[in-house]
Amino acid sequence: MYRITKEFHLSASHQLDHLPADHQCARLHGHNYIVVVELAAESLNDDGFVRDYHDLSPLKRYIDDTLDHRHLNDVFGHSKVTSEFLARHFYDWCKQRFPETSSVRVSETPKTWAEYRP
């Protein structure tokens, strides 16, 4: 199995207001998110790629135009915008456009991340 990954960055705020008031994530706060998309294939295409990294440019545009420097609660219309939610959201978004998508990892900090891999 061949695997490739590409990393994307965004800065955004969120608030998990369904948590107890004394929970630090219940307060408005932000992260410098890192999104890592993995694509996998049993064989390479005619150009010798799983997929050309340039083909992932629409994801960069989506992140920049829709999510970067935004309040994610407003973007998604709810307050359960967790890293787990974002990993699944990005996976679904990518899978529709790039069938080779095999997983997405979303990091909030250098030491924490959530991954969606069906």
Protein backbone atom coordinates (compact mmCIF):
# COMPACT_ATOMS: atom_id res chain seq x y z
CA MET A 1 0.00 0.00 0.00
CA TYR A 2 1.30 3.43 -0.94
CA ARG A 3 0.49 6.35 1.37
CA ILE A 4 1.04 10.08 1.05
CA THR A 5 0.19 12.89 3.45
CA LYS A 6 -0.15 16.61 3.17
CA GLU A 7 -0.35 19.10 6.04
CA PHE A 8 -2.54 22.19 6.19
CA HIS A 9 -2.71 24.95 8.83
CA LEU A 10 -5.46 27.18 10.13
CA SER A 11 -6.11 29.38 13.12
CA ALA A 12 -9.62 29.50 14.51
CA SER A 13 -11.60 29.87 17.70
CA HIS A 14 -14.30 27.73 19.25
CA GLN A 15 -16.15 27.31 22.49
CA LEU A 16 -17.48 24.04 23.84
CA ASP A 17 -20.31 25.67 25.77
CA HIS A 18 -22.03 22.36 26.53
CA LEU A 19 -19.23 21.54 29.01
CA PRO A 20 -19.30 22.59 32.68
CA ALA A 21 -18.56 26.29 33.14
CA ASP A 22 -15.31 25.57 35.01
CA HIS A 23 -13.92 23.44 32.13
CA GLN A 24 -11.22 25.37 30.27
CA CYS A 25 -12.71 24.44 26.88
CA ALA A 26 -16.06 25.97 27.86
CA ARG A 27 -14.43 29.38 27.52
CA LEU A 28 -13.91 31.02 24.16
CA HIS A 29 -10.43 30.05 22.97
CA GLY A 30 -8.48 29.36 19.81
CA HIS A 31 -6.01 26.96 18.30
CA ASN A 32 -3.44 26.88 15.56
CA TYR A 33 -4.80 23.71 14.01
CA ILE A 34 -2.76 21.33 11.89
CA VAL A 35 -4.75 19.13 9.51
CA VAL A 36 -2.96 16.13 8.02
CA VAL A 37 -4.69 14.34 5.16
CA GLU A 38 -3.54 10.85 4.22
CA LEU A 39 -4.27 9.26 0.85
CA ALA A 40 -3.59 5.62 0.06
CA ALA A 41 -3.61 3.40 -3.01
CA GLU A 42 -2.65 -0.16 -3.87
CA SER A 43 -0.91 1.03 -7.01
CA LEU A 44 0.43 4.24 -8.48
CA ASN A 45 -1.24 6.18 -11.27
CA ASP A 46 0.32 6.65 -14.71
CA ASP A 47 2.41 9.56 -13.40
CA GLY A 48 3.84 7.45 -10.56
CA PHE A 49 1.73 9.11 -7.82
CA VAL A 50 -0.93 8.06 -5.38
CA ARG A 51 -2.22 11.53 -6.32
CA ASP A 52 -0.39 14.70 -7.28
CA TYR A 53 -0.07 16.90 -4.18
CA HIS A 54 -1.15 19.86 -6.30
CA ASP A 55 -4.56 18.19 -6.70
CA LEU A 56 -5.18 18.95 -3.00
CA SER A 57 -5.18 22.71 -3.64
CA PRO A 58 -9.00 22.90 -3.32
CA LEU A 59 -8.67 21.84 0.32
CA LYS A 60 -6.26 24.70 0.97
CA ARG A 61 -8.71 27.14 -0.63
CA TYR A 62 -11.61 25.71 1.40
CA ILE A 63 -9.66 26.08 4.64
CA ASP A 64 -8.50 29.61 3.82
CA ASP A 65 -11.87 30.85 2.56
CA THR A 66 -14.19 29.13 5.03
CA LEU A 67 -12.41 28.24 8.26
CA ASP A 68 -9.18 30.16 8.80
CA HIS A 69 -9.48 33.02 11.32
CA ARG A 70 -13.14 32.24 11.97
CA HIS A 71 -15.19 31.23 14.97
CA LEU A 72 -15.94 27.58 14.20
CA ASN A 73 -19.17 27.53 16.22
CA ASP A 74 -20.55 30.11 13.79
CA VAL A 75 -19.24 28.28 10.72
CA PHE A 76 -20.79 24.94 11.70
CA GLY A 77 -23.80 26.25 13.60
CA HIS A 78 -23.20 24.32 16.82
CA SER A 79 -20.87 24.22 19.80
CA LYS A 80 -19.54 20.65 19.53
CA VAL A 81 -16.74 21.61 17.15
CA THR A 82 -14.13 19.30 18.65
CA SER A 83 -10.99 17.97 16.99
CA GLU A 84 -12.85 14.70 16.54
CA PHE A 85 -15.66 16.51 14.73
CA LEU A 86 -13.18 18.38 12.53
CA ALA A 87 -11.28 15.19 11.64
CA ARG A 88 -14.51 13.56 10.42
CA HIS A 89 -15.60 16.75 8.65
CA PHE A 90 -12.32 17.03 6.74
CA TYR A 91 -12.36 13.29 5.96
CA ASP A 92 -15.85 13.51 4.45
CA TRP A 93 -14.96 16.68 2.52
CA CYS A 94 -11.81 15.09 1.11
CA LYS A 95 -13.31 11.66 0.40
CA GLN A 96 -15.92 13.25 -1.90
CA ARG A 97 -13.17 14.87 -3.95
CA PHE A 98 -10.24 12.51 -3.48
CA PRO A 99 -11.37 8.85 -3.30
CA GLU A 100 -7.91 7.80 -2.10
CA THR A 101 -8.44 9.60 1.22
CA SER A 102 -7.76 7.11 4.01
CA SER A 103 -7.55 9.25 7.15
CA VAL A 104 -7.44 12.77 8.52
CA ARG A 105 -5.67 13.94 11.67
CA VAL A 106 -6.43 17.27 13.35
CA SER A 107 -4.03 18.63 15.97
CA GLU A 108 -5.01 21.38 18.38
CA THR A 109 -1.62 21.46 20.04
CA PRO A 110 1.74 19.77 19.37
CA LYS A 111 0.79 17.12 21.94
CA THR A 112 -2.89 16.49 21.13
CA TRP A 113 -4.74 15.32 18.05
CA ALA A 114 -7.79 13.43 16.88
CA GLU A 115 -7.86 11.15 13.89
CA TYR A 116 -10.67 9.80 11.75
CA ARG A 117 -9.89 6.58 9.90
CA PRO A 118 -12.86 4.42 8.89
